[in-house]
Protein backbone atom coordinates (compact mmCIF):
# COMPACT_ATOMS: atom_id res chain seq x y z
CA MET A 1 -112.43 89.61 -20.94
CA THR A 2 -109.70 86.90 -20.81
CA ALA A 3 -111.36 85.04 -17.96
CA GLY A 4 -114.13 83.62 -20.11
CA LEU A 5 -116.32 84.05 -23.15
CA LEU A 6 -116.78 87.68 -24.15
CA VAL A 7 -119.59 88.50 -26.53
CA SER A 8 -119.87 92.16 -27.38
CA CYS A 9 -123.15 93.37 -28.79
CA ALA A 10 -124.24 96.75 -30.04
CA PRO A 11 -126.77 98.44 -27.73
CA ASP A 12 -130.39 98.26 -28.82
CA THR A 13 -132.01 101.48 -29.99
CA GLU A 14 -134.49 102.68 -27.37
CA GLU A 15 -137.30 105.17 -27.70
CA ARG A 16 -137.39 108.08 -25.28
CA PRO A 17 -140.07 107.47 -22.64
CA GLU A 18 -142.86 109.98 -22.31
CA ARG A 19 -142.18 110.41 -18.61
CA MET A 20 -139.32 109.79 -16.22
CA VAL A 21 -139.10 106.34 -14.65
CA ASN A 22 -138.23 105.86 -10.98
CA LEU A 23 -135.26 103.50 -11.30
CA LYS A 24 -135.60 102.42 -7.65
CA THR A 25 -138.89 100.68 -8.51
CA VAL A 26 -137.60 98.91 -11.62
CA GLN A 27 -136.61 95.25 -11.33
CA SER A 28 -134.70 93.72 -14.20
CA GLY A 29 -131.55 91.84 -15.06
CA PRO A 30 -130.72 88.16 -15.44
CA ALA A 31 -131.18 87.28 -11.74
CA ILE A 32 -134.73 88.62 -11.79
CA GLN A 33 -135.42 86.90 -15.11
CA ALA A 34 -134.25 83.63 -13.60
CA GLN A 35 -136.57 84.07 -10.62
CA GLU A 36 -139.49 84.77 -12.92
CA LEU A 37 -139.05 81.28 -14.38
CA ASP A 38 -139.48 79.60 -10.98
CA GLY A 39 -143.24 79.62 -11.22
CA ALA A 40 -143.28 78.29 -14.75
CA ILE A 41 -140.93 75.44 -13.76
CA SER A 42 -143.10 74.55 -10.76
CA ARG A 43 -146.08 74.26 -13.12
CA GLN A 44 -144.12 72.37 -15.81
CA PRO A 45 -141.41 70.41 -13.98
CA ARG A 46 -140.75 68.21 -17.04
CA ASN A 47 -140.09 71.09 -19.45
CA ALA A 48 -136.39 70.92 -20.30
CA SER A 49 -136.37 74.24 -22.15
CA LEU A 50 -137.46 76.12 -19.02
CA TYR A 51 -134.51 74.73 -17.05
CA ALA A 52 -132.15 75.60 -19.91
CA ARG A 53 -133.45 79.18 -20.09
CA ARG A 54 -133.10 79.62 -16.34
CA ALA A 55 -129.58 78.18 -16.54
CA ALA A 56 -128.64 80.79 -19.14
CA PHE A 57 -130.04 83.62 -17.00
CA ARG A 58 -128.30 82.32 -13.87
CA LEU A 59 -125.05 82.02 -15.74
CA GLU A 60 -125.33 85.61 -16.90
CA ALA A 61 -126.04 86.64 -13.30
CA GLY A 62 -122.89 84.88 -12.09
CA GLN A 63 -124.79 82.06 -10.33
CA VAL A 64 -122.61 79.38 -11.86
CA GLU A 65 -123.37 76.42 -9.58
CA ALA A 66 -127.12 76.99 -9.84
CA ALA A 67 -126.81 77.35 -13.62
CA LEU A 68 -124.95 74.04 -13.85
CA ARG A 69 -127.64 72.29 -11.79
CA ASP A 70 -130.32 73.66 -14.09
CA ILE A 71 -128.64 72.69 -17.34
CA ASN A 72 -127.89 69.21 -16.00
CA GLU A 73 -131.58 68.88 -15.14
CA ALA A 74 -132.49 69.99 -18.66
CA LEU A 75 -130.16 67.38 -20.14
CA GLU A 76 -131.67 64.67 -17.93
CA LEU A 77 -135.05 65.51 -19.45
CA ASP A 78 -133.83 65.99 -23.03
CA ASP A 79 -130.27 65.41 -24.20
CA ALA A 80 -130.91 66.10 -27.88
CA PRO A 81 -130.45 69.90 -28.22
CA GLY A 82 -126.85 70.90 -28.90
CA GLU A 83 -127.56 74.32 -27.42
CA PHE A 84 -128.00 72.72 -23.99
CA TYR A 85 -124.46 71.33 -24.19
CA PHE A 86 -123.17 74.77 -25.21
CA THR A 87 -124.74 76.29 -22.08
CA LYS A 88 -123.20 73.52 -20.01
CA ALA A 89 -119.80 74.21 -21.57
CA ARG A 90 -120.10 77.89 -20.64
CA ALA A 91 -120.91 76.98 -17.04
CA LEU A 92 -118.04 74.52 -16.81
CA ARG A 93 -115.65 77.11 -18.28
CA ALA A 94 -116.82 79.60 -15.67
CA GLU A 95 -115.78 77.06 -13.03
CA GLY A 96 -112.37 76.68 -14.69
CA ARG A 97 -113.03 73.08 -15.76
CA ILE A 98 -111.62 73.43 -19.25
CA LYS A 99 -111.29 69.74 -20.13
CA ALA A 100 -114.92 69.02 -19.21
CA ALA A 101 -116.06 72.17 -21.00
CA LEU A 102 -114.30 71.11 -24.20
CA THR A 103 -116.04 67.73 -24.00
CA ALA A 104 -119.35 69.58 -23.76
CA THR A 105 -118.55 71.78 -26.76
CA ASP A 106 -117.65 68.69 -28.78
CA GLU A 107 -121.04 67.23 -27.89
CA ALA A 108 -122.78 70.47 -28.81
CA ALA A 109 -121.16 70.44 -32.25
CA ARG A 110 -121.91 66.74 -32.73
CA ARG A 111 -125.58 67.45 -32.10
CA GLY A 112 -125.70 70.16 -34.73
CA PHE A 113 -125.12 73.33 -32.73
CA ALA A 114 -123.06 75.78 -34.79
CA SER A 115 -122.44 79.44 -34.05
CA PRO A 116 -119.52 81.88 -33.83
CA GLU A 117 -120.05 81.90 -30.04
CA LEU A 118 -119.20 78.19 -29.93
CA ASN A 119 -115.97 78.69 -31.88
CA LEU A 120 -115.18 81.71 -29.75
CA LEU A 121 -115.60 79.74 -26.53
CA VAL A 122 -113.46 76.84 -27.79
CA GLY A 123 -110.81 79.27 -29.07
CA GLU A 124 -110.65 81.07 -25.73
CA MET A 125 -110.23 77.79 -23.85
CA HIS A 126 -107.40 76.70 -26.14
CA LEU A 127 -105.85 80.11 -25.56
CA ALA A 128 -106.11 79.69 -21.78
CA SER A 129 -104.39 76.32 -22.18
CA ARG A 130 -101.59 77.91 -24.26
CA ARG A 131 -102.54 75.91 -27.34
CA TYR A 132 -102.17 78.97 -29.51
CA GLN A 133 -102.46 77.44 -32.96
CA ASP A 134 -105.58 75.51 -31.98
CA ALA A 135 -107.00 78.76 -30.62
CA LEU A 136 -106.29 80.57 -33.89
CA ASP A 137 -108.04 77.84 -35.90
CA GLN A 138 -111.23 78.23 -33.84
CA LEU A 139 -111.10 82.02 -33.83
CA ASP A 140 -110.71 82.06 -37.61
CA ARG A 141 -113.89 80.00 -37.86
CA ALA A 142 -115.69 82.49 -35.66
CA LEU A 143 -114.49 85.38 -37.81
CA GLN A 144 -115.55 83.63 -41.01
CA GLN A 145 -119.10 83.74 -39.67
CA GLU A 146 -118.86 87.16 -38.04
CA PRO A 147 -115.88 89.15 -39.44
CA ASP A 148 -116.25 92.14 -37.12
CA GLN A 149 -116.50 90.19 -33.86
CA PRO A 150 -114.30 92.26 -31.49
CA ALA A 151 -113.81 89.44 -28.97
CA ALA A 152 -112.49 87.06 -31.65
CA LEU A 153 -110.13 89.75 -32.93
CA PHE A 154 -108.95 90.41 -29.37
CA TYR A 155 -108.27 86.75 -28.65
CA LYS A 156 -106.37 86.41 -31.93
CA GLY A 157 -104.18 89.29 -30.80
CA VAL A 158 -103.52 87.56 -27.47
CA ALA A 159 -102.76 84.29 -29.26
CA TYR A 160 -100.15 86.04 -31.41
CA ILE A 161 -98.63 87.49 -28.24
CA GLY A 162 -98.23 83.89 -27.06
CA LEU A 163 -96.62 83.03 -30.38
CA GLN A 164 -94.31 86.07 -30.02
CA ASP A 165 -95.57 87.60 -33.25
CA THR A 166 -95.85 91.20 -32.11
CA VAL A 167 -96.76 92.67 -35.49
CA GLN A 168 -99.79 90.39 -35.88
CA ALA A 169 -100.73 90.86 -32.21
CA LEU A 170 -100.83 94.63 -32.52
CA ASP A 171 -102.80 94.45 -35.76
CA TYR A 172 -105.56 92.31 -34.27
CA LEU A 173 -105.70 94.18 -30.96
CA ARG A 174 -106.04 97.49 -32.79
CA ALA A 175 -108.72 95.99 -35.02
CA SER A 176 -110.61 94.83 -31.94
CA LEU A 177 -110.28 98.26 -30.35
CA ALA A 178 -111.61 99.94 -33.49
CA ARG A 179 -114.78 97.83 -33.25
CA ASP A 180 -115.14 98.07 -29.47
CA PRO A 181 -113.32 101.23 -28.34
CA ARG A 182 -114.62 101.05 -24.78
CA GLN A 183 -113.02 97.72 -23.83
CA PRO A 184 -110.46 98.24 -21.00
CA GLU A 185 -108.84 94.83 -21.43
CA THR A 186 -107.93 95.58 -25.05
CA LEU A 187 -106.39 98.89 -24.00
CA HIS A 188 -104.46 97.08 -21.27
CA GLN A 189 -102.98 94.59 -23.72
CA LEU A 190 -101.97 97.39 -26.11
CA ALA A 191 -100.40 99.39 -23.27
CA PHE A 192 -98.60 96.30 -21.97
CA LEU A 193 -97.16 95.50 -25.40
CA SER A 194 -96.09 99.11 -25.94
CA ASN A 195 -94.19 99.09 -22.64
CA ALA A 196 -92.64 95.72 -23.47
CA TYR A 197 -91.22 97.20 -26.66
CA ARG A 198 -89.97 100.36 -24.96
CA GLN A 199 -92.64 102.72 -26.25
CA PRO A 200 -93.75 104.30 -22.97
CA ALA A 201 -95.37 107.37 -24.54
CA GLN A 202 -97.70 105.16 -26.57
CA ALA A 203 -98.35 102.95 -23.55
CA ALA A 204 -99.28 105.98 -21.46
CA GLN A 205 -101.90 107.00 -24.01
CA TYR A 206 -103.53 103.58 -24.04
CA ALA A 207 -103.41 103.30 -20.25
CA ALA A 208 -104.84 106.78 -19.66
CA ARG A 209 -107.63 106.10 -22.15
CA GLY A 210 -108.44 102.84 -20.40
CA LEU A 211 -108.46 104.40 -16.94
CA LYS A 212 -111.08 106.89 -18.03
CA LEU A 213 -113.31 103.92 -18.82
CA ALA A 214 -112.33 101.74 -15.84
CA PRO A 215 -110.67 103.84 -13.12
CA THR A 216 -110.40 100.88 -10.71
CA TYR A 217 -108.91 98.37 -13.17
CA GLY A 218 -105.60 97.32 -11.62
CA PRO A 219 -103.75 96.11 -14.76
CA LEU A 220 -104.18 99.52 -16.40
CA TRP A 221 -102.68 101.20 -13.34
CA TYR A 222 -99.72 98.83 -13.66
CA ASP A 223 -99.30 99.81 -17.32
CA TYR A 224 -99.41 103.47 -16.34
CA GLY A 225 -96.76 102.90 -13.66
CA ARG A 226 -94.51 100.90 -15.94
CA GLN A 227 -94.23 103.77 -18.42
CA PHE A 228 -92.93 105.98 -15.59
CA GLU A 229 -90.30 103.35 -14.75
CA LEU A 230 -89.20 103.19 -18.38
CA GLN A 231 -88.83 106.97 -18.39
CA ASN A 232 -86.57 106.92 -15.29
CA GLN A 233 -89.19 108.18 -12.86
CA PRO A 234 -89.02 105.33 -10.32
CA ASP A 235 -90.74 107.13 -7.44
CA SER A 236 -93.80 107.87 -9.57
CA ALA A 237 -93.77 104.27 -10.80
CA VAL A 238 -93.75 102.89 -7.24
CA ARG A 239 -96.72 105.04 -6.22
CA ILE A 240 -98.70 103.77 -9.18
CA TYR A 241 -97.72 100.14 -8.55
CA VAL A 242 -98.96 100.44 -4.97
CA ARG A 243 -102.26 101.71 -6.33
CA ALA A 244 -102.45 98.75 -8.74
CA VAL A 245 -101.89 96.25 -5.90
CA GLN A 246 -104.54 97.92 -3.75
CA LEU A 247 -107.06 97.59 -6.54
CA ASP A 248 -106.16 94.07 -7.67
CA THR A 249 -104.10 91.80 -5.44
CA THR A 250 -104.14 89.10 -8.13
CA PHE A 251 -102.18 91.15 -10.66
CA TYR A 252 -98.78 89.79 -9.71
CA ARG A 253 -96.64 91.97 -11.98
CA ALA A 254 -97.15 95.05 -9.80
CA ASP A 255 -96.12 93.05 -6.71
CA TYR A 256 -93.07 91.77 -8.58
CA ARG A 257 -91.98 95.30 -9.50
CA LEU A 258 -92.46 96.52 -5.92
CA GLY A 259 -90.49 93.54 -4.60
CA LEU A 260 -87.71 94.18 -7.10
CA VAL A 261 -87.42 97.85 -6.09
CA ALA A 262 -87.33 96.99 -2.36
CA TYR A 263 -84.74 94.24 -2.91
CA LYS A 264 -82.43 96.56 -4.84
CA LYS A 265 -82.64 99.06 -1.98
CA ARG A 266 -81.87 96.24 0.51
CA ARG A 267 -85.24 96.68 2.19
CA TYR A 268 -85.61 92.93 2.44
CA ALA A 269 -88.51 92.89 4.92
CA ASP A 270 -90.50 95.06 2.51
CA ALA A 271 -89.55 92.94 -0.50
CA ILE A 272 -90.67 89.59 0.96
CA PRO A 273 -94.50 89.96 0.96
CA HIS A 274 -94.51 91.37 -2.57
CA LEU A 275 -92.29 88.58 -3.91
CA GLN A 276 -94.32 85.92 -2.12
CA ARG A 277 -97.60 87.17 -3.60
CA ALA A 278 -96.06 87.41 -7.06
CA LEU A 279 -94.66 83.87 -6.92
CA ARG A 280 -97.99 82.45 -5.77
CA ARG A 281 -99.41 83.67 -9.08
CA SER A 282 -96.45 82.90 -11.34
CA SER A 283 -93.28 80.92 -10.73
CA ARG A 284 -91.69 82.11 -13.99
CA LEU A 285 -90.78 85.64 -12.92
CA GLU A 286 -87.13 86.38 -13.56
CA ASN A 287 -84.98 86.01 -10.42
CA ALA A 288 -88.03 86.39 -8.14
CA ARG A 289 -87.35 83.23 -6.13
CA GLN A 290 -83.65 84.04 -5.87
CA MET A 291 -84.51 87.49 -4.48
CA LEU A 292 -86.95 85.94 -2.03
CA ALA A 293 -84.42 83.35 -0.83
CA GLU A 294 -81.69 85.95 -0.40
CA SER A 295 -84.08 88.30 1.39
CA PHE A 296 -84.93 85.59 3.93
CA GLU A 297 -81.24 84.76 4.30
CA SER A 298 -80.28 88.40 4.84
CA LEU A 299 -82.83 88.59 7.67
CA ALA A 300 -81.48 85.33 9.20
CA ARG A 301 -84.80 83.60 8.57
CA TRP A 302 -82.93 80.41 7.83
CA SER A 303 -85.77 77.87 7.54
CA GLU A 304 -87.71 80.02 5.07
CA ALA A 305 -84.55 80.75 3.11
CA ALA A 306 -83.71 77.03 2.96
CA ASP A 307 -87.18 76.24 1.60
CA GLN A 308 -86.70 78.73 -1.23
CA TYR A 309 -83.20 77.49 -2.05
CA ARG A 310 -84.52 73.93 -2.24
CA LEU A 311 -87.17 75.11 -4.70
CA LEU A 312 -84.42 76.77 -6.73
CA VAL A 313 -82.62 73.41 -6.84
CA GLN A 314 -85.80 71.74 -8.14
CA GLU A 315 -86.28 74.44 -10.75
CA ASN A 316 -82.61 74.37 -11.79
CA PRO A 317 -81.46 70.73 -11.52
CA GLY A 318 -77.73 70.33 -11.62
CA ASN A 319 -77.01 73.93 -10.59
CA ARG A 320 -74.11 73.59 -8.13
CA HIS A 321 -74.53 77.07 -6.69
CA TRP A 322 -78.15 76.54 -5.58
CA THR A 323 -77.32 73.04 -4.35
CA TYR A 324 -74.57 74.46 -2.15
CA LYS A 325 -76.79 77.32 -0.89
CA ALA A 326 -79.58 74.88 0.00
CA TRP A 327 -77.12 72.71 1.93
CA LYS A 328 -75.50 75.63 3.70
CA VAL A 329 -78.69 77.41 4.74
CA SER A 330 -80.40 74.16 5.77
CA ASN A 331 -77.50 73.56 8.15
CA ARG A 332 -77.88 77.07 9.53
CA ALA A 333 -81.59 76.39 10.09
CA ARG A 334 -80.57 73.36 12.22
CA GLY A 335 -78.05 75.44 14.13
CA VAL A 336 -75.04 73.91 12.40
CA MET A 337 -72.39 76.45 11.47
CA VAL A 338 -70.75 75.78 8.14
CA GLU A 339 -67.01 76.30 7.95
CA GLU A 340 -66.36 78.71 5.13
CA THR A 341 -62.59 79.20 5.35
CA PRO A 342 -61.55 80.46 1.95
CA ARG A 343 -59.36 78.07 0.04
CA PRO A 344 -55.92 79.41 -0.99
CA ALA A 345 -55.78 80.41 -4.59
CA PRO A 346 -53.84 77.92 -6.72
CA ILE A 347 -50.24 78.98 -7.34
CA GLU A 348 -49.32 79.30 -10.94
CA ALA A 349 -46.66 76.83 -11.99
CA ILE A 350 -43.22 78.46 -12.46
CA GLU A 351 -40.83 77.13 -15.03
CA PRO A 352 -37.55 76.01 -13.31
CA ILE A 353 -34.53 78.22 -13.97
CA GLN A 354 -31.86 76.58 -16.09
CA LEU A 355 -28.37 77.19 -14.59
CA HIS A 356 -25.43 77.10 -16.94
CA ARG A 357 -21.90 76.57 -15.73
CA PRO A 358 -19.35 79.09 -16.88
CA GLY A 359 -17.44 77.95 -19.88
CA LEU A 360 -20.11 75.53 -21.08
């Protein structure tokens, strides 16, 4: 849900068929719909709308590069429709090219395209860029047009998390959940917030509810494990964190927790891979790089330890402790032993005794 534009729609009402359909013979879905346009495009190669429709289907099917080629072809033929620029923005966002996508949304709006989906897309991109107030402005516009849009409510909740306004965050996340109760990402955010504010029982309820909907969703397993840790059941927490990592190697918080547990138990070889994976995803984890550096040092892996201490110096300029550790361990990596004879403690000054002669 947070990776891109989420548009939640109510399912269409369907009539019951008179006879059972063999699902193995049915071909449908956006990929098939895109293929069905191939013939029409071959017959009408100058029809921009056909390319734009195929781009939309390919985008829905996850064929992002092909979708971008199609929409660019459509714009070469006809650059007037704002909707074409909106489709291009969606494709660029799917590639992670936020700046270019925002340029495309600006062009879509300039050419008269207006919809809550456009505001939602722009709001989500501002959110991904940590421009929380800009995100809220766009999401409010989306909600003015469609007040019950669950995705816009969800993103507003996430924006308020970024602004550290927990009360507002919970309100909007719960409102989103009420309108789309089967959205695992919303349940994850609610569980995560509940754990963050030391409400593990509430977090467990959200996480368990989410896992019924998405039993292989790694972040929800992390939330479920975290509530065990908060309730002083570390062994259960570790088992759940391992499960979370197995399901989603990109969810760095589970790796961080596993690395932290191993480090505290002085199982440095076990801690290292977890801390490395966590730091590849986020360099802001509390004490993670320090634990990694000290784990390498404890295992006499001097070069790797020196690299981490140098990064600590960069991240903490002027810190004398990390500067010294980087110097010391770098010397050890070169085979130079550093003399560490403890300096004698300074002797406290003693006031001289005043001698008085008898009779004076």
